[in-house]
Amino acid sequence: MDTLPANLAALQRQLEIAPSICGDGAFFGGPVPSHGDFNVYHHLSNIMMVDPAALIEYGPLREWMVAIETLPSMATYLDSRPELVGIGVDPGLRDKNGILITQQHPAGRALLVGGEFVFE
C-alpha cells in the first residue's frame, strides 16, 4: 500500500492519454472495454475493499470504475457475486443467502450458481 499512490497516479495518466493513442472512449483501449479494463477493475475493486478511500484523489479512475460497473453484463455479475470477507485473517466469500466459505472451509469445493454456493 506504500507504493499505491504513485501507481494510481501512473494508471490515471495512462487512462487520460488513452484517447490520444486509441481514439475517443471512456476505457483504456478506446470506446469499448477490453480484457485489460476488466483486469485493472479487478485490482482496483480489491483495493477499494481494503481501503474504501483509496481513490478519493483519483476522480478519473473512479469515473472509469463507474463506467465499468454500469455496463449491463458487469452490473449483473456484480449483483450476483459473493461478498469478500475476512481479508488478512481467513479470506472467504459469503453468498447471497449468507453462506460463508473460507480457505479453511471443510466442505471443499463450491460452485457459484445464481449468486448461491452449490457444494459437490
N, C-alpha and C. Protein backbone atom coordinates (compact mmCIF):
# COMPACT_ATOMS: atom_id res chain seq x y z
N MET A 1 0.82 -1.20 0.00
CA MET A 1 0.00 0.00 0.00
C MET A 1 0.87 1.26 0.00
N ASP A 2 2.14 1.13 0.39
CA ASP A 2 3.02 2.30 0.40
C ASP A 2 3.24 2.88 -1.00
N THR A 3 3.28 2.02 -2.00
CA THR A 3 3.52 2.49 -3.37
C THR A 3 2.23 2.76 -4.14
N LEU A 4 1.10 2.55 -3.48
CA LEU A 4 -0.19 2.69 -4.17
C LEU A 4 -0.40 4.08 -4.77
N PRO A 5 -0.16 5.18 -4.04
CA PRO A 5 -0.41 6.49 -4.65
C PRO A 5 0.36 6.72 -5.96
N ALA A 6 1.62 6.33 -6.00
CA ALA A 6 2.40 6.51 -7.23
C ALA A 6 1.84 5.64 -8.35
N ASN A 7 1.45 4.42 -8.03
CA ASN A 7 0.91 3.52 -9.04
C ASN A 7 -0.46 3.98 -9.54
N LEU A 8 -1.29 4.48 -8.63
CA LEU A 8 -2.60 5.00 -9.05
C LEU A 8 -2.44 6.23 -9.94
N ALA A 9 -1.48 7.10 -9.60
CA ALA A 9 -1.22 8.29 -10.42
C ALA A 9 -0.77 7.89 -11.82
N ALA A 10 0.10 6.88 -11.91
CA ALA A 10 0.56 6.42 -13.22
C ALA A 10 -0.59 5.80 -14.01
N LEU A 11 -1.43 5.04 -13.35
CA LEU A 11 -2.58 4.42 -14.01
C LEU A 11 -3.55 5.49 -14.51
N GLN A 12 -3.77 6.50 -13.70
CA GLN A 12 -4.65 7.59 -14.11
C GLN A 12 -4.09 8.34 -15.32
N ARG A 13 -2.77 8.55 -15.33
CA ARG A 13 -2.14 9.21 -16.51
C ARG A 13 -2.36 8.37 -17.76
N GLN A 14 -2.24 7.04 -17.65
CA GLN A 14 -2.46 6.16 -18.80
C GLN A 14 -3.90 6.28 -19.29
N LEU A 15 -4.84 6.35 -18.35
CA LEU A 15 -6.24 6.49 -18.73
C LEU A 15 -6.48 7.82 -19.42
N GLU A 16 -5.83 8.87 -18.94
CA GLU A 16 -6.02 10.20 -19.52
C GLU A 16 -5.40 10.35 -20.91
N ILE A 17 -4.33 9.62 -21.19
CA ILE A 17 -3.71 9.71 -22.52
C ILE A 17 -4.27 8.68 -23.49
N ALA A 18 -5.06 7.74 -23.02
CA ALA A 18 -5.59 6.68 -23.89
C ALA A 18 -6.30 7.23 -25.13
N PRO A 19 -7.14 8.28 -25.02
CA PRO A 19 -7.81 8.78 -26.23
C PRO A 19 -6.84 9.25 -27.31
N SER A 20 -5.70 9.80 -26.92
CA SER A 20 -4.75 10.26 -27.93
C SER A 20 -4.05 9.11 -28.63
N ILE A 21 -4.05 7.94 -27.99
CA ILE A 21 -3.39 6.77 -28.57
C ILE A 21 -4.41 5.85 -29.25
N CYS A 22 -5.55 5.63 -28.58
CA CYS A 22 -6.52 4.62 -29.02
C CYS A 22 -7.81 5.20 -29.57
N GLY A 23 -7.93 6.50 -29.63
CA GLY A 23 -9.17 7.11 -30.08
C GLY A 23 -10.07 7.43 -28.91
N ASP A 24 -11.16 8.09 -29.19
CA ASP A 24 -12.08 8.51 -28.13
C ASP A 24 -12.68 7.31 -27.42
N GLY A 25 -12.95 7.50 -26.16
CA GLY A 25 -13.61 6.46 -25.39
C GLY A 25 -13.31 6.58 -23.92
N ALA A 26 -14.14 5.94 -23.14
CA ALA A 26 -14.01 6.00 -21.69
C ALA A 26 -13.09 4.93 -21.13
N PHE A 27 -12.55 4.08 -21.99
CA PHE A 27 -11.79 2.93 -21.50
C PHE A 27 -10.32 3.04 -21.92
N PHE A 28 -9.50 2.17 -21.35
CA PHE A 28 -8.06 2.24 -21.62
C PHE A 28 -7.73 2.02 -23.08
N GLY A 29 -8.49 1.18 -23.77
CA GLY A 29 -8.18 0.87 -25.16
C GLY A 29 -9.06 1.55 -26.18
N GLY A 30 -9.94 2.43 -25.75
CA GLY A 30 -10.81 3.11 -26.70
C GLY A 30 -12.26 3.14 -26.24
N PRO A 31 -13.19 3.14 -27.20
CA PRO A 31 -14.60 3.34 -26.86
C PRO A 31 -15.30 2.13 -26.23
N VAL A 32 -14.70 0.96 -26.32
CA VAL A 32 -15.28 -0.23 -25.70
C VAL A 32 -14.26 -0.85 -24.75
N PRO A 33 -14.74 -1.46 -23.66
CA PRO A 33 -13.79 -2.06 -22.72
C PRO A 33 -13.11 -3.29 -23.30
N SER A 34 -11.90 -3.52 -22.86
CA SER A 34 -11.15 -4.70 -23.29
C SER A 34 -10.82 -5.56 -22.06
N HIS A 35 -10.17 -6.67 -22.32
CA HIS A 35 -9.75 -7.55 -21.23
C HIS A 35 -8.92 -6.77 -20.20
N GLY A 36 -8.07 -5.88 -20.70
CA GLY A 36 -7.23 -5.09 -19.80
C GLY A 36 -8.04 -4.23 -18.85
N ASP A 37 -9.14 -3.66 -19.32
CA ASP A 37 -10.00 -2.85 -18.45
C ASP A 37 -10.55 -3.69 -17.29
N PHE A 38 -11.00 -4.90 -17.61
CA PHE A 38 -11.57 -5.76 -16.57
C PHE A 38 -10.49 -6.23 -15.60
N ASN A 39 -9.28 -6.44 -16.09
CA ASN A 39 -8.17 -6.82 -15.22
C ASN A 39 -7.86 -5.69 -14.25
N VAL A 40 -7.74 -4.47 -14.76
CA VAL A 40 -7.47 -3.31 -13.91
C VAL A 40 -8.62 -3.12 -12.92
N TYR A 41 -9.86 -3.25 -13.39
CA TYR A 41 -11.01 -3.10 -12.50
C TYR A 41 -10.92 -4.06 -11.32
N HIS A 42 -10.59 -5.32 -11.60
CA HIS A 42 -10.50 -6.34 -10.55
C HIS A 42 -9.55 -5.88 -9.44
N HIS A 43 -8.39 -5.39 -9.83
CA HIS A 43 -7.40 -4.98 -8.84
C HIS A 43 -7.84 -3.73 -8.07
N LEU A 44 -8.41 -2.77 -8.77
CA LEU A 44 -8.88 -1.56 -8.08
C LEU A 44 -10.05 -1.88 -7.16
N SER A 45 -10.91 -2.79 -7.56
CA SER A 45 -12.02 -3.20 -6.72
C SER A 45 -11.50 -3.85 -5.43
N ASN A 46 -10.48 -4.68 -5.56
CA ASN A 46 -9.88 -5.30 -4.36
C ASN A 46 -9.27 -4.24 -3.45
N ILE A 47 -8.60 -3.25 -4.04
CA ILE A 47 -8.02 -2.17 -3.25
C ILE A 47 -9.12 -1.43 -2.49
N MET A 48 -10.24 -1.17 -3.16
CA MET A 48 -11.34 -0.45 -2.53
C MET A 48 -11.95 -1.25 -1.37
N MET A 49 -11.88 -2.58 -1.43
CA MET A 49 -12.37 -3.40 -0.31
C MET A 49 -11.48 -3.22 0.92
N VAL A 50 -10.19 -3.08 0.68
CA VAL A 50 -9.24 -2.90 1.78
C VAL A 50 -9.28 -1.46 2.30
N ASP A 51 -9.35 -0.50 1.38
CA ASP A 51 -9.34 0.92 1.74
C ASP A 51 -10.34 1.67 0.87
N PRO A 52 -11.59 1.81 1.34
CA PRO A 52 -12.62 2.47 0.53
C PRO A 52 -12.28 3.90 0.11
N ALA A 53 -11.35 4.54 0.79
CA ALA A 53 -10.98 5.92 0.44
C ALA A 53 -9.78 5.99 -0.51
N ALA A 54 -9.30 4.86 -0.98
CA ALA A 54 -8.07 4.82 -1.78
C ALA A 54 -8.14 5.66 -3.05
N LEU A 55 -9.31 5.80 -3.65
CA LEU A 55 -9.41 6.52 -4.92
C LEU A 55 -9.98 7.93 -4.79
N ILE A 56 -10.09 8.44 -3.58
CA ILE A 56 -10.67 9.77 -3.37
C ILE A 56 -9.98 10.83 -4.22
N GLU A 57 -8.67 10.78 -4.32
CA GLU A 57 -7.92 11.80 -5.06
C GLU A 57 -7.79 11.49 -6.55
N TYR A 58 -8.44 10.42 -7.01
CA TYR A 58 -8.28 9.97 -8.40
C TYR A 58 -9.64 9.93 -9.09
N GLY A 59 -10.23 11.11 -9.29
CA GLY A 59 -11.56 11.22 -9.88
C GLY A 59 -11.72 10.50 -11.21
N PRO A 60 -10.79 10.69 -12.16
CA PRO A 60 -10.94 9.99 -13.44
C PRO A 60 -10.93 8.46 -13.30
N LEU A 61 -10.13 7.92 -12.38
CA LEU A 61 -10.15 6.46 -12.17
C LEU A 61 -11.48 6.02 -11.58
N ARG A 62 -12.01 6.79 -10.64
CA ARG A 62 -13.30 6.44 -10.03
C ARG A 62 -14.41 6.53 -11.08
N GLU A 63 -14.37 7.55 -11.93
CA GLU A 63 -15.36 7.66 -13.00
C GLU A 63 -15.26 6.48 -13.96
N TRP A 64 -14.03 6.06 -14.25
CA TRP A 64 -13.82 4.90 -15.11
C TRP A 64 -14.40 3.65 -14.46
N MET A 65 -14.20 3.49 -13.13
CA MET A 65 -14.77 2.33 -12.43
C MET A 65 -16.29 2.33 -12.54
N VAL A 66 -16.91 3.50 -12.40
CA VAL A 66 -18.37 3.59 -12.53
C VAL A 66 -18.79 3.20 -13.95
N ALA A 67 -18.03 3.62 -14.96
CA ALA A 67 -18.34 3.25 -16.35
C ALA A 67 -18.29 1.73 -16.52
N ILE A 68 -17.31 1.08 -15.91
CA ILE A 68 -17.22 -0.39 -15.96
C ILE A 68 -18.40 -1.01 -15.23
N GLU A 69 -18.68 -0.52 -14.02
CA GLU A 69 -19.74 -1.09 -13.17
C GLU A 69 -21.12 -0.95 -13.77
N THR A 70 -21.33 0.03 -14.64
CA THR A 70 -22.67 0.24 -15.21
C THR A 70 -22.86 -0.46 -16.55
N LEU A 71 -21.83 -1.14 -17.05
CA LEU A 71 -22.04 -1.99 -18.24
C LEU A 71 -23.07 -3.05 -17.86
N PRO A 72 -24.08 -3.30 -18.67
CA PRO A 72 -25.15 -4.23 -18.27
C PRO A 72 -24.66 -5.59 -17.78
N SER A 73 -23.76 -6.23 -18.52
CA SER A 73 -23.30 -7.56 -18.09
C SER A 73 -22.46 -7.48 -16.82
N MET A 74 -21.72 -6.40 -16.64
CA MET A 74 -20.92 -6.24 -15.43
C MET A 74 -21.83 -5.97 -14.23
N ALA A 75 -22.86 -5.16 -14.42
CA ALA A 75 -23.80 -4.89 -13.33
C ALA A 75 -24.48 -6.18 -12.88
N THR A 76 -24.85 -7.03 -13.83
CA THR A 76 -25.46 -8.31 -13.50
C THR A 76 -24.49 -9.17 -12.69
N TYR A 77 -23.23 -9.23 -13.14
CA TYR A 77 -22.22 -10.00 -12.41
C TYR A 77 -22.02 -9.45 -11.00
N LEU A 78 -21.85 -8.13 -10.88
CA LEU A 78 -21.58 -7.53 -9.57
C LEU A 78 -22.74 -7.77 -8.61
N ASP A 79 -23.96 -7.82 -9.14
CA ASP A 79 -25.13 -8.06 -8.30
C ASP A 79 -25.16 -9.49 -7.75
N SER A 80 -24.55 -10.42 -8.48
CA SER A 80 -24.62 -11.83 -8.05
C SER A 80 -23.34 -12.35 -7.42
N ARG A 81 -22.26 -11.59 -7.50
CA ARG A 81 -21.00 -12.11 -6.97
C ARG A 81 -21.04 -12.16 -5.45
N PRO A 82 -20.33 -13.12 -4.88
CA PRO A 82 -20.29 -13.21 -3.42
C PRO A 82 -19.47 -12.06 -2.82
N GLU A 83 -19.72 -11.81 -1.54
CA GLU A 83 -19.01 -10.76 -0.81
C GLU A 83 -17.70 -11.32 -0.27
N LEU A 84 -16.62 -10.60 -0.47
CA LEU A 84 -15.32 -10.99 0.06
C LEU A 84 -15.24 -10.53 1.51
N VAL A 85 -14.92 -11.46 2.42
CA VAL A 85 -14.82 -11.14 3.84
C VAL A 85 -13.55 -11.74 4.42
N GLY A 86 -13.16 -11.28 5.59
CA GLY A 86 -12.03 -11.86 6.31
C GLY A 86 -10.67 -11.57 5.71
N ILE A 87 -10.55 -10.46 5.01
CA ILE A 87 -9.26 -10.11 4.40
C ILE A 87 -8.20 -10.01 5.49
N GLY A 88 -7.09 -10.69 5.31
CA GLY A 88 -5.98 -10.63 6.26
C GLY A 88 -6.12 -11.57 7.44
N VAL A 89 -7.25 -12.28 7.54
CA VAL A 89 -7.46 -13.20 8.66
C VAL A 89 -7.67 -14.62 8.12
N ASP A 90 -8.85 -14.85 7.57
CA ASP A 90 -9.19 -16.11 6.91
C ASP A 90 -10.09 -15.74 5.74
N PRO A 91 -9.50 -15.33 4.60
CA PRO A 91 -10.31 -14.85 3.48
C PRO A 91 -11.40 -15.83 3.09
N GLY A 92 -12.56 -15.28 2.82
CA GLY A 92 -13.66 -16.12 2.42
C GLY A 92 -14.67 -15.35 1.59
N LEU A 93 -15.69 -16.07 1.16
CA LEU A 93 -16.76 -15.50 0.34
C LEU A 93 -18.10 -15.81 0.99
N ARG A 94 -19.00 -14.82 1.00
CA ARG A 94 -20.35 -15.01 1.53
C ARG A 94 -21.31 -14.85 0.36
N ASP A 95 -22.17 -15.88 0.14
CA ASP A 95 -23.09 -15.80 -0.99
C ASP A 95 -24.34 -15.01 -0.62
N LYS A 96 -25.28 -14.91 -1.56
CA LYS A 96 -26.48 -14.10 -1.37
C LYS A 96 -27.39 -14.62 -0.26
N ASN A 97 -27.23 -15.89 0.13
CA ASN A 97 -28.02 -16.47 1.22
C ASN A 97 -27.29 -16.39 2.56
N GLY A 98 -26.10 -15.79 2.56
CA GLY A 98 -25.35 -15.66 3.81
C GLY A 98 -24.44 -16.83 4.11
N ILE A 99 -24.36 -17.81 3.20
CA ILE A 99 -23.47 -18.95 3.43
C ILE A 99 -22.03 -18.48 3.22
N LEU A 100 -21.18 -18.78 4.19
CA LEU A 100 -19.79 -18.35 4.16
C LEU A 100 -18.89 -19.55 3.93
N ILE A 101 -17.99 -19.42 2.96
CA ILE A 101 -16.93 -20.41 2.82
C ILE A 101 -15.61 -19.66 2.90
N THR A 102 -14.64 -20.30 3.52
CA THR A 102 -13.32 -19.70 3.65
C THR A 102 -12.29 -20.66 3.11
N GLN A 103 -11.04 -20.23 3.12
CA GLN A 103 -9.98 -21.12 2.65
C GLN A 103 -9.88 -22.36 3.53
N GLN A 104 -10.36 -22.27 4.75
CA GLN A 104 -10.31 -23.40 5.67
C GLN A 104 -11.65 -24.14 5.75
N HIS A 105 -12.56 -23.86 4.83
CA HIS A 105 -13.90 -24.45 4.85
C HIS A 105 -13.81 -25.96 4.66
N PRO A 106 -14.46 -26.72 5.52
CA PRO A 106 -14.36 -28.18 5.44
C PRO A 106 -15.14 -28.83 4.30
N ALA A 107 -16.08 -28.11 3.69
CA ALA A 107 -16.92 -28.73 2.66
C ALA A 107 -16.20 -28.90 1.33
N GLY A 108 -15.02 -28.32 1.19
CA GLY A 108 -14.29 -28.46 -0.05
C GLY A 108 -14.76 -27.50 -1.11
N ARG A 109 -14.80 -27.97 -2.33
CA ARG A 109 -15.09 -27.12 -3.49
C ARG A 109 -16.57 -26.74 -3.56
N ALA A 110 -16.81 -25.47 -3.91
CA ALA A 110 -18.17 -24.98 -4.09
C ALA A 110 -18.25 -24.24 -5.41
N LEU A 111 -19.38 -24.36 -6.07
CA LEU A 111 -19.64 -23.63 -7.31
C LEU A 111 -20.62 -22.51 -7.00
N LEU A 112 -20.50 -21.40 -7.71
CA LEU A 112 -21.43 -20.29 -7.54
C LEU A 112 -22.46 -20.36 -8.66
N VAL A 113 -23.72 -20.56 -8.30
CA VAL A 113 -24.80 -20.67 -9.28
C VAL A 113 -25.88 -19.67 -8.88
N GLY A 114 -26.08 -18.67 -9.72
CA GLY A 114 -27.11 -17.66 -9.45
C GLY A 114 -26.89 -16.91 -8.15
N GLY A 115 -25.63 -16.71 -7.80
CA GLY A 115 -25.31 -15.96 -6.59
C GLY A 115 -25.33 -16.80 -5.32
N GLU A 116 -25.52 -18.12 -5.46
CA GLU A 116 -25.57 -19.02 -4.30
C GLU A 116 -24.55 -20.13 -4.47
N PHE A 117 -23.96 -20.57 -3.35
CA PHE A 117 -23.00 -21.66 -3.40
C PHE A 117 -23.70 -22.99 -3.51
N VAL A 118 -23.17 -23.87 -4.36
CA VAL A 118 -23.64 -25.22 -4.51
C VAL A 118 -22.42 -26.11 -4.25
N PHE A 119 -22.53 -27.00 -3.29
CA PHE A 119 -21.41 -27.86 -2.92
C PHE A 119 -21.49 -29.19 -3.64
N GLU A 120 -20.33 -29.72 -4.01
CA GLU A 120 -20.29 -31.02 -4.72
C GLU A 120 -20.56 -32.15 -3.74
